Amino acid sequence: MKIGDRNRASGATAVSGPRPTGYSSEGRAAGAAAPSRDINDVTTILGIPENELTPKVRDAIMTLMREVDTLRSELDRSNKRLGEMEKLADLDSLAAIYNRRAFVRELTRLIAFADRYGEAGTASLVYFDVNNFKAINDTYGHAVGDEVLKSVAGTIVDNVRRSDVVGRLGGDEFGVILVQAEGARAQEKATFLVDSVRQNKYLHDGTEIEIELSFGVYTFRPGDEPAAALAAADEAMYAHKASARKAS
């Protein structure tokens, strides 16, 4: 999930959304042939009139210019590939959301933001766990279990804001960082997400598989460490799960 676009330099027009695939930061199609140059491009910079260049020097300059353009094109392609690899490294192997490493990185960043800006940076961490997931795997098989996890991830993503962060923490556990939400508001949103997942039953061979989630909420405090915040939300989730078992 995206956290937000950085502000552009003063005087520049802000543009939201991703650039078209295959384009470098300079707007040229990645992999496209480098633009042709004229000898005057260099002679103007060097201050040497073209008519004073010997044929050998002229050829050497033109060769150098072509090599520079080729290197620039290769750099554009390398940067594009690097960006794609970085995105893949952040994705969970099963669902199209952050993996644990990327989620913890964003958690660290948002905790630091909350430390710096106080109430303006308020955010809460919600820790979700799929109830009786082992029974789903045992009854329908691991392939269906994987599809159930994808369904849960998709439902959560569809019902949070772009500024919120969603990740899979491992197995059947998910994390959501709700930006600008604390206490009762975060609890309310977590309950809404649980209800949304419950209503979006997974259908397998004509059989509806009901999906129930337990959750725990922890609102960031000054000086929090990411590991401590995760542990607190995890503990709250297990308390919620135990309470639900007693009530049933």
C-alpha atoms as a PDB file:
ATOM      1  CA  MET A   1       0.000   0.000   0.000  1.00  0.00           C
ATOM      2  CA  LYS A   2       1.120   3.449  -0.666  1.00  0.00           C
ATOM      3  CA  ILE A   3       1.776   5.739   2.254  1.00  0.00           C
ATOM      4  CA  GLY A   4       1.498   8.974   0.354  1.00  0.00           C
ATOM      5  CA  ASP A   5       3.240  11.010  -2.261  1.00  0.00           C
ATOM      6  CA  ARG A   6       6.163  13.191  -1.305  1.00  0.00           C
ATOM      7  CA  ASN A   7       5.805  16.894  -1.948  1.00  0.00           C
ATOM      8  CA  ARG A   8       7.441  18.110  -5.111  1.00  0.00           C
ATOM      9  CA  ALA A   9      10.040  20.834  -5.084  1.00  0.00           C
ATOM     10  CA  SER A  10       8.669  24.330  -4.749  1.00  0.00           C
ATOM     11  CA  GLY A  11       7.241  25.633  -8.004  1.00  0.00           C
ATOM     12  CA  ALA A  12       6.798  22.197  -9.569  1.00  0.00           C
ATOM     13  CA  THR A  13       3.411  20.760 -10.421  1.00  0.00           C
ATOM     14  CA  ALA A  14       2.450  17.867  -8.145  1.00  0.00           C
ATOM     15  CA  VAL A  15       1.626  14.698 -10.029  1.00  0.00           C
ATOM     16  CA  SER A  16       0.033  11.777  -8.198  1.00  0.00           C
ATOM     17  CA  GLY A  17      -0.008   8.168  -9.301  1.00  0.00           C
ATOM     18  CA  PRO A  18       2.650   5.954 -10.878  1.00  0.00           C
ATOM     19  CA  ARG A  19       4.480   6.779 -14.063  1.00  0.00           C
ATOM     20  CA  PRO A  20       3.621   4.724 -17.153  1.00  0.00           C
ATOM     21  CA  THR A  21       5.428   1.392 -17.134  1.00  0.00           C
ATOM     22  CA  GLY A  22       8.631   1.410 -19.115  1.00  0.00           C
ATOM     23  CA  TYR A  23       9.483   5.081 -18.669  1.00  0.00           C
ATOM     24  CA  SER A  24      12.550   6.499 -16.991  1.00  0.00           C
ATOM     25  CA  SER A  25      12.555   9.405 -14.554  1.00  0.00           C
ATOM     26  CA  GLU A  26      13.328  11.706 -17.472  1.00  0.00           C
ATOM     27  CA  GLY A  27      10.240  10.606 -19.391  1.00  0.00           C
ATOM     28  CA  ARG A  28      12.080   8.672 -22.126  1.00  0.00           C
ATOM     29  CA  ALA A  29      10.932   5.142 -22.823  1.00  0.00           C
ATOM     30  CA  ALA A  30      13.287   2.757 -21.047  1.00  0.00           C
ATOM     31  CA  GLY A  31      15.286   0.781 -23.554  1.00  0.00           C
ATOM     32  CA  ALA A  32      14.610   3.254 -26.376  1.00  0.00           C
ATOM     33  CA  ALA A  33      17.479   4.376 -28.561  1.00  0.00           C
ATOM     34  CA  ALA A  34      19.426   7.335 -27.214  1.00  0.00           C
ATOM     35  CA  PRO A  35      18.629  10.639 -28.961  1.00  0.00           C
ATOM     36  CA  SER A  36      21.047  11.628 -31.698  1.00  0.00           C
ATOM     37  CA  ARG A  37      23.340  14.545 -30.962  1.00  0.00           C
ATOM     38  CA  ASP A  38      24.927  17.198 -33.064  1.00  0.00           C
ATOM     39  CA  ILE A  39      28.607  18.098 -32.835  1.00  0.00           C
ATOM     40  CA  ASN A  40      27.517  21.628 -31.892  1.00  0.00           C
ATOM     41  CA  ASP A  41      26.153  20.246 -28.582  1.00  0.00           C
ATOM     42  CA  VAL A  42      29.716  19.696 -27.427  1.00  0.00           C
ATOM     43  CA  THR A  43      31.545  22.470 -29.273  1.00  0.00           C
ATOM     44  CA  THR A  44      29.135  24.988 -27.760  1.00  0.00           C
ATOM     45  CA  ILE A  45      29.942  23.710 -24.266  1.00  0.00           C
ATOM     46  CA  LEU A  46      33.691  23.598 -24.916  1.00  0.00           C
ATOM     47  CA  GLY A  47      33.713  26.946 -26.680  1.00  0.00           C
ATOM     48  CA  ILE A  48      35.523  25.513 -29.712  1.00  0.00           C
ATOM     49  CA  PRO A  49      34.185  26.539 -33.128  1.00  0.00           C
ATOM     50  CA  GLU A  50      33.366  23.468 -35.199  1.00  0.00           C
ATOM     51  CA  ASN A  51      35.457  24.702 -38.132  1.00  0.00           C
ATOM     52  CA  GLU A  52      38.569  24.597 -35.915  1.00  0.00           C
ATOM     53  CA  LEU A  53      38.200  20.873 -35.173  1.00  0.00           C
ATOM     54  CA  THR A  54      40.302  18.433 -37.154  1.00  0.00           C
ATOM     55  CA  PRO A  55      38.433  15.451 -38.648  1.00  0.00           C
ATOM     56  CA  LYS A  56      40.125  13.111 -36.161  1.00  0.00           C
ATOM     57  CA  VAL A  57      39.113  15.221 -33.133  1.00  0.00           C
ATOM     58  CA  ARG A  58      35.609  15.620 -34.514  1.00  0.00           C
ATOM     59  CA  ASP A  59      35.236  11.839 -34.933  1.00  0.00           C
ATOM     60  CA  ALA A  60      36.588  11.231 -31.429  1.00  0.00           C
ATOM     61  CA  ILE A  61      34.086  13.680 -29.921  1.00  0.00           C
ATOM     62  CA  MET A  62      31.171  12.125 -31.818  1.00  0.00           C
ATOM     63  CA  THR A  63      32.223   8.639 -30.683  1.00  0.00           C
ATOM     64  CA  LEU A  64      32.425   9.831 -27.078  1.00  0.00           C
ATOM     65  CA  MET A  65      28.988  11.438 -27.319  1.00  0.00           C
ATOM     66  CA  ARG A  66      27.452   8.205 -28.625  1.00  0.00           C
ATOM     67  CA  GLU A  67      29.072   6.216 -25.819  1.00  0.00           C
ATOM     68  CA  VAL A  68      27.752   8.653 -23.196  1.00  0.00           C
ATOM     69  CA  ASP A  69      24.227   8.376 -24.625  1.00  0.00           C
ATOM     70  CA  THR A  70      24.468   4.577 -24.643  1.00  0.00           C
ATOM     71  CA  LEU A  71      25.599   4.550 -21.009  1.00  0.00           C
ATOM     72  CA  ARG A  72      22.729   6.873 -20.080  1.00  0.00           C
ATOM     73  CA  SER A  73      20.211   4.532 -21.727  1.00  0.00           C
ATOM     74  CA  GLU A  74      21.711   1.521 -19.941  1.00  0.00           C
ATOM     75  CA  LEU A  75      21.518   3.393 -16.633  1.00  0.00           C
ATOM     76  CA  ASP A  76      17.830   4.158 -17.249  1.00  0.00           C
ATOM     77  CA  ARG A  77      17.134   0.473 -17.912  1.00  0.00           C
ATOM     78  CA  SER A  78      19.096  -0.593 -14.822  1.00  0.00           C
ATOM     79  CA  ASN A  79      17.201   1.878 -12.621  1.00  0.00           C
ATOM     80  CA  LYS A  80      13.897   0.573 -13.966  1.00  0.00           C
ATOM     81  CA  ARG A  81      14.866  -3.045 -13.250  1.00  0.00           C
ATOM     82  CA  LEU A  82      16.087  -2.081  -9.778  1.00  0.00           C
ATOM     83  CA  GLY A  83      12.770  -0.384  -9.013  1.00  0.00           C
ATOM     84  CA  GLU A  84      10.858  -3.484 -10.118  1.00  0.00           C
ATOM     85  CA  MET A  85      13.064  -5.729  -7.974  1.00  0.00           C
ATOM     86  CA  GLU A  86      12.568  -3.496  -4.928  1.00  0.00           C
ATOM     87  CA  LYS A  87       8.790  -3.723  -5.339  1.00  0.00           C
ATOM     88  CA  LEU A  88       8.944  -7.514  -5.624  1.00  0.00           C
ATOM     89  CA  ALA A  89      11.144  -7.718  -2.523  1.00  0.00           C
ATOM     90  CA  ASP A  90       8.420  -5.915  -0.528  1.00  0.00           C
ATOM     91  CA  LEU A  91       5.554  -8.181  -1.614  1.00  0.00           C
ATOM     92  CA  ASP A  92       4.251 -11.183   0.277  1.00  0.00           C
ATOM     93  CA  SER A  93       4.809 -14.455  -1.572  1.00  0.00           C
ATOM     94  CA  LEU A  94       1.087 -15.282  -1.468  1.00  0.00           C
ATOM     95  CA  ALA A  95      -0.971 -12.098  -1.421  1.00  0.00           C
ATOM     96  CA  ALA A  96      -0.404  -8.754  -3.158  1.00  0.00           C
ATOM     97  CA  ILE A  97       0.366  -6.930   0.102  1.00  0.00           C
ATOM     98  CA  TYR A  98       3.494  -6.128   2.096  1.00  0.00           C
ATOM     99  CA  ASN A  99       5.515  -8.994   3.538  1.00  0.00           C
ATOM    100  CA  ARG A 100       6.584  -8.884   7.183  1.00  0.00           C
ATOM    101  CA  ARG A 101       9.927  -7.192   6.476  1.00  0.00           C
ATOM    102  CA  ALA A 102       8.343  -4.363   4.489  1.00  0.00           C
ATOM    103  CA  PHE A 103       5.485  -4.020   6.983  1.00  0.00           C
ATOM    104  CA  VAL A 104       7.895  -3.643   9.914  1.00  0.00           C
ATOM    105  CA  ARG A 105       9.831  -1.038   7.921  1.00  0.00           C
ATOM    106  CA  GLU A 106       6.651   1.006   7.423  1.00  0.00           C
ATOM    107  CA  LEU A 107       5.705   0.473  11.070  1.00  0.00           C
ATOM    108  CA  THR A 108       9.102   1.846  12.115  1.00  0.00           C
ATOM    109  CA  ARG A 109       8.652   4.874   9.879  1.00  0.00           C
ATOM    110  CA  LEU A 110       5.155   5.681  11.146  1.00  0.00           C
ATOM    111  CA  ILE A 111       6.146   5.256  14.802  1.00  0.00           C
ATOM    112  CA  ALA A 112       8.961   7.748  14.210  1.00  0.00           C
ATOM    113  CA  PHE A 113       6.454  10.082  12.546  1.00  0.00           C
ATOM    114  CA  ALA A 114       4.135   9.796  15.562  1.00  0.00           C
ATOM    115  CA  ASP A 115       7.047  10.505  17.921  1.00  0.00           C
ATOM    116  CA  ARG A 116       7.911  13.657  16.025  1.00  0.00           C
ATOM    117  CA  TYR A 117       4.467  15.109  15.388  1.00  0.00           C
ATOM    118  CA  GLY A 118       2.473  13.898  18.391  1.00  0.00           C
ATOM    119  CA  GLU A 119      -1.288  13.860  17.862  1.00  0.00           C
ATOM    120  CA  ALA A 120      -0.858  14.813  14.203  1.00  0.00           C
ATOM    121  CA  GLY A 121       0.956  11.509  13.676  1.00  0.00           C
ATOM    122  CA  THR A 122      -1.413   9.323  15.688  1.00  0.00           C
ATOM    123  CA  ALA A 123      -1.807   5.801  14.310  1.00  0.00           C
ATOM    124  CA  SER A 124      -2.854   2.359  15.511  1.00  0.00           C
ATOM    125  CA  LEU A 125      -1.664  -1.139  14.750  1.00  0.00           C
ATOM    126  CA  VAL A 126      -4.261  -3.890  14.292  1.00  0.00           C
ATOM    127  CA  TYR A 127      -3.131  -7.521  14.497  1.00  0.00           C
ATOM    128  CA  PHE A 128      -5.480 -10.030  12.817  1.00  0.00           C
ATOM    129  CA  ASP A 129      -5.525 -13.820  13.059  1.00  0.00           C
ATOM    130  CA  VAL A 130      -7.753 -16.219  11.085  1.00  0.00           C
ATOM    131  CA  ASN A 131      -9.670 -18.393  13.546  1.00  0.00           C
ATOM    132  CA  ASN A 132      -9.540 -22.171  13.044  1.00  0.00           C
ATOM    133  CA  PHE A 133      -7.349 -21.825   9.977  1.00  0.00           C
ATOM    134  CA  LYS A 134      -5.773 -25.230  10.622  1.00  0.00           C
ATOM    135  CA  ALA A 135      -9.223 -26.805  10.360  1.00  0.00           C
ATOM    136  CA  ILE A 136      -9.710 -25.138   6.958  1.00  0.00           C
ATOM    137  CA  ASN A 137      -6.392 -26.555   5.750  1.00  0.00           C
ATOM    138  CA  ASP A 138      -7.162 -30.014   7.152  1.00  0.00           C
ATOM    139  CA  THR A 139     -10.673 -30.100   5.674  1.00  0.00           C
ATOM    140  CA  TYR A 140     -10.158 -28.535   2.255  1.00  0.00           C
ATOM    141  CA  GLY A 141      -6.405 -28.732   1.681  1.00  0.00           C
ATOM    142  CA  HIS A 142      -3.599 -26.195   1.711  1.00  0.00           C
ATOM    143  CA  ALA A 143      -4.387 -24.879  -1.772  1.00  0.00           C
ATOM    144  CA  VAL A 144      -7.830 -23.790  -0.593  1.00  0.00           C
ATOM    145  CA  GLY A 145      -6.267 -22.428   2.585  1.00  0.00           C
ATOM    146  CA  ASP A 146      -4.009 -20.235   0.457  1.00  0.00           C
ATOM    147  CA  GLU A 147      -7.024 -18.945  -1.469  1.00  0.00           C
ATOM    148  CA  VAL A 148      -8.766 -18.130   1.805  1.00  0.00           C
ATOM    149  CA  LEU A 149      -5.753 -16.066   2.890  1.00  0.00           C
ATOM    150  CA  LYS A 150      -5.778 -14.234  -0.448  1.00  0.00           C
ATOM    151  CA  SER A 151      -9.475 -13.529   0.026  1.00  0.00           C
ATOM    152  CA  VAL A 152      -8.863 -12.122   3.513  1.00  0.00           C
ATOM    153  CA  ALA A 153      -6.041  -9.905   2.237  1.00  0.00           C
ATOM    154  CA  GLY A 154      -8.160  -8.647  -0.652  1.00  0.00           C
ATOM    155  CA  THR A 155     -11.119  -7.809   1.580  1.00  0.00           C
ATOM    156  CA  ILE A 156      -8.927  -5.884   4.015  1.00  0.00           C
ATOM    157  CA  VAL A 157      -7.231  -3.915   1.226  1.00  0.00           C
ATOM    158  CA  ASP A 158     -10.600  -3.073  -0.336  1.00  0.00           C
ATOM    159  CA  ASN A 159     -11.853  -1.612   2.945  1.00  0.00           C
ATOM    160  CA  VAL A 160      -8.976   0.581   4.121  1.00  0.00           C
ATOM    161  CA  ARG A 161      -7.612   3.893   2.872  1.00  0.00           C
ATOM    162  CA  ARG A 162      -4.621   4.282   0.578  1.00  0.00           C
ATOM    163  CA  SER A 163      -2.773   5.918   3.458  1.00  0.00           C
ATOM    164  CA  ASP A 164      -3.178   2.796   5.625  1.00  0.00           C
ATOM    165  CA  VAL A 165      -0.668  -0.061   5.494  1.00  0.00           C
ATOM    166  CA  VAL A 166      -1.565  -3.744   5.066  1.00  0.00           C
ATOM    167  CA  GLY A 167       0.813  -6.677   5.402  1.00  0.00           C
ATOM    168  CA  ARG A 168       0.958 -10.393   6.065  1.00  0.00           C
ATOM    169  CA  LEU A 169       2.949 -11.058   9.210  1.00  0.00           C
ATOM    170  CA  GLY A 170       3.226 -14.793   8.658  1.00  0.00           C
ATOM    171  CA  GLY A 171       0.961 -17.815   8.325  1.00  0.00           C
ATOM    172  CA  ASP A 172      -2.626 -16.710   8.905  1.00  0.00           C
ATOM    173  CA  GLU A 173      -1.721 -13.426  10.614  1.00  0.00           C
ATOM    174  CA  PHE A 174      -2.153  -9.976   9.089  1.00  0.00           C
ATOM    175  CA  GLY A 175      -1.259  -6.484  10.219  1.00  0.00           C
ATOM    176  CA  VAL A 176      -2.914  -3.167   9.411  1.00  0.00           C
ATOM    177  CA  ILE A 177      -1.613   0.269  10.369  1.00  0.00           C
ATOM    178  CA  LEU A 178      -4.513   2.716  10.581  1.00  0.00           C
ATOM    179  CA  VAL A 179      -3.184   6.234  10.093  1.00  0.00           C
ATOM    180  CA  GLN A 180      -4.884   9.022  12.064  1.00  0.00           C
ATOM    181  CA  ALA A 181      -6.852   6.537  14.160  1.00  0.00           C
ATOM    182  CA  GLU A 182      -6.618   5.762  17.845  1.00  0.00           C
ATOM    183  CA  GLY A 183      -8.580   4.094  20.614  1.00  0.00           C
ATOM    184  CA  ALA A 184     -12.281   3.701  19.896  1.00  0.00           C
ATOM    185  CA  ARG A 185     -11.932   4.723  16.259  1.00  0.00           C
ATOM    186  CA  ALA A 186      -9.338   2.023  15.588  1.00  0.00           C
ATOM    187  CA  GLN A 187     -11.443  -0.575  17.427  1.00  0.00           C
ATOM    188  CA  GLU A 188     -14.458   0.404  15.353  1.00  0.00           C
ATOM    189  CA  LYS A 189     -12.520   0.074  12.101  1.00  0.00           C
ATOM    190  CA  ALA A 190     -11.078  -3.293  13.133  1.00  0.00           C
ATOM    191  CA  THR A 191     -14.576  -4.577  13.933  1.00  0.00           C
ATOM    192  CA  PHE A 192     -15.775  -3.337  10.546  1.00  0.00           C
ATOM    193  CA  LEU A 193     -12.969  -5.251   8.809  1.00  0.00           C
ATOM    194  CA  VAL A 194     -13.839  -8.430  10.725  1.00  0.00           C
ATOM    195  CA  ASP A 195     -17.487  -8.069   9.658  1.00  0.00           C
ATOM    196  CA  SER A 196     -16.454  -7.444   6.042  1.00  0.00           C
ATOM    197  CA  VAL A 197     -14.346 -10.616   5.962  1.00  0.00           C
ATOM    198  CA  ARG A 198     -17.171 -12.616   7.576  1.00  0.00           C
ATOM    199  CA  GLN A 199     -19.676 -11.421   4.974  1.00  0.00           C
ATOM    200  CA  ASN A 200     -17.308 -12.184   2.103  1.00  0.00           C
ATOM    201  CA  LYS A 201     -17.542 -15.972   2.464  1.00  0.00           C
ATOM    202  CA  TYR A 202     -15.150 -18.013   0.344  1.00  0.00           C
ATOM    203  CA  LEU A 203     -16.919 -20.409  -2.045  1.00  0.00           C
ATOM    204  CA  HIS A 204     -15.280 -23.785  -2.745  1.00  0.00           C
ATOM    205  CA  ASP A 205     -17.059 -26.346  -4.942  1.00  0.00           C
ATOM    206  CA  GLY A 206     -20.411 -24.888  -3.981  1.00  0.00           C
ATOM    207  CA  THR A 207     -19.568 -24.857  -0.268  1.00  0.00           C
ATOM    208  CA  GLU A 208     -19.341 -21.557   1.602  1.00  0.00           C
ATOM    209  CA  ILE A 209     -16.355 -21.370   3.927  1.00  0.00           C
ATOM    210  CA  GLU A 210     -16.998 -18.916   6.726  1.00  0.00           C
ATOM    211  CA  ILE A 211     -13.977 -16.885   7.758  1.00  0.00           C
ATOM    212  CA  GLU A 212     -13.734 -15.454  11.255  1.00  0.00           C
ATOM    213  CA  LEU A 213     -10.967 -13.172  12.487  1.00  0.00           C
ATOM    214  CA  SER A 214      -9.696 -12.263  15.926  1.00  0.00           C
ATOM    215  CA  PHE A 215      -7.932  -8.945  16.353  1.00  0.00           C
ATOM    216  CA  GLY A 216      -5.958  -6.816  18.751  1.00  0.00           C
ATOM    217  CA  VAL A 217      -5.442  -3.055  18.598  1.00  0.00           C
ATOM    218  CA  TYR A 218      -2.507  -1.042  19.866  1.00  0.00           C
ATOM    219  CA  THR A 219      -2.203   2.745  19.503  1.00  0.00           C
ATOM    220  CA  PHE A 220       1.339   4.080  19.199  1.00  0.00           C
ATOM    221  CA  ARG A 221       2.893   5.835  22.180  1.00  0.00           C
ATOM    222  CA  PRO A 222       5.957   8.101  22.329  1.00  0.00           C
ATOM    223  CA  GLY A 223       9.155   6.070  22.449  1.00  0.00           C
ATOM    224  CA  ASP A 224       7.579   2.833  21.167  1.00  0.00           C
ATOM    225  CA  GLU A 225       9.745   0.229  19.478  1.00  0.00           C
ATOM    226  CA  PRO A 226       8.278  -1.679  16.493  1.00  0.00           C
ATOM    227  CA  ALA A 227       8.816  -5.080  18.132  1.00  0.00           C
ATOM    228  CA  ALA A 228       7.084  -3.921  21.322  1.00  0.00           C
ATOM    229  CA  ALA A 229       4.140  -2.495  19.356  1.00  0.00           C
ATOM    230  CA  LEU A 230       3.728  -5.775  17.459  1.00  0.00           C
ATOM    231  CA  ALA A 231       3.931  -7.768  20.693  1.00  0.00           C
ATOM    232  CA  ALA A 232       1.311  -5.551  22.366  1.00  0.00           C
ATOM    233  CA  ALA A 233      -1.106  -5.854  19.427  1.00  0.00           C
ATOM    234  CA  ASP A 234      -0.478  -9.616  19.271  1.00  0.00           C
ATOM    235  CA  GLU A 235      -1.216  -9.962  22.990  1.00  0.00           C
ATOM    236  CA  ALA A 236      -4.435  -7.970  22.576  1.00  0.00           C
ATOM    237  CA  MET A 237      -5.424 -10.251  19.689  1.00  0.00           C
ATOM    238  CA  TYR A 238      -4.982 -13.405  21.786  1.00  0.00           C
ATOM    239  CA  ALA A 239      -7.006 -11.827  24.599  1.00  0.00           C
ATOM    240  CA  HIS A 240      -9.792 -11.126  22.091  1.00  0.00           C
ATOM    241  CA  LYS A 241      -9.606 -14.715  20.804  1.00  0.00           C
ATOM    242  CA  ALA A 242      -9.791 -16.143  24.342  1.00  0.00           C
ATOM    243  CA  SER A 243     -12.747 -13.909  25.193  1.00  0.00           C
ATOM    244  CA  ALA A 244     -14.617 -15.053  22.078  1.00  0.00           C
ATOM    245  CA  ARG A 245     -14.043 -18.708  22.988  1.00  0.00           C
ATOM    246  CA  LYS A 246     -15.458 -18.193  26.475  1.00  0.00           C
ATOM    247  CA  ALA A 247     -18.509 -16.446  25.057  1.00  0.00           C
ATOM    248  CA  SER A 248     -19.250 -19.269  22.595  1.00  0.00           C
END
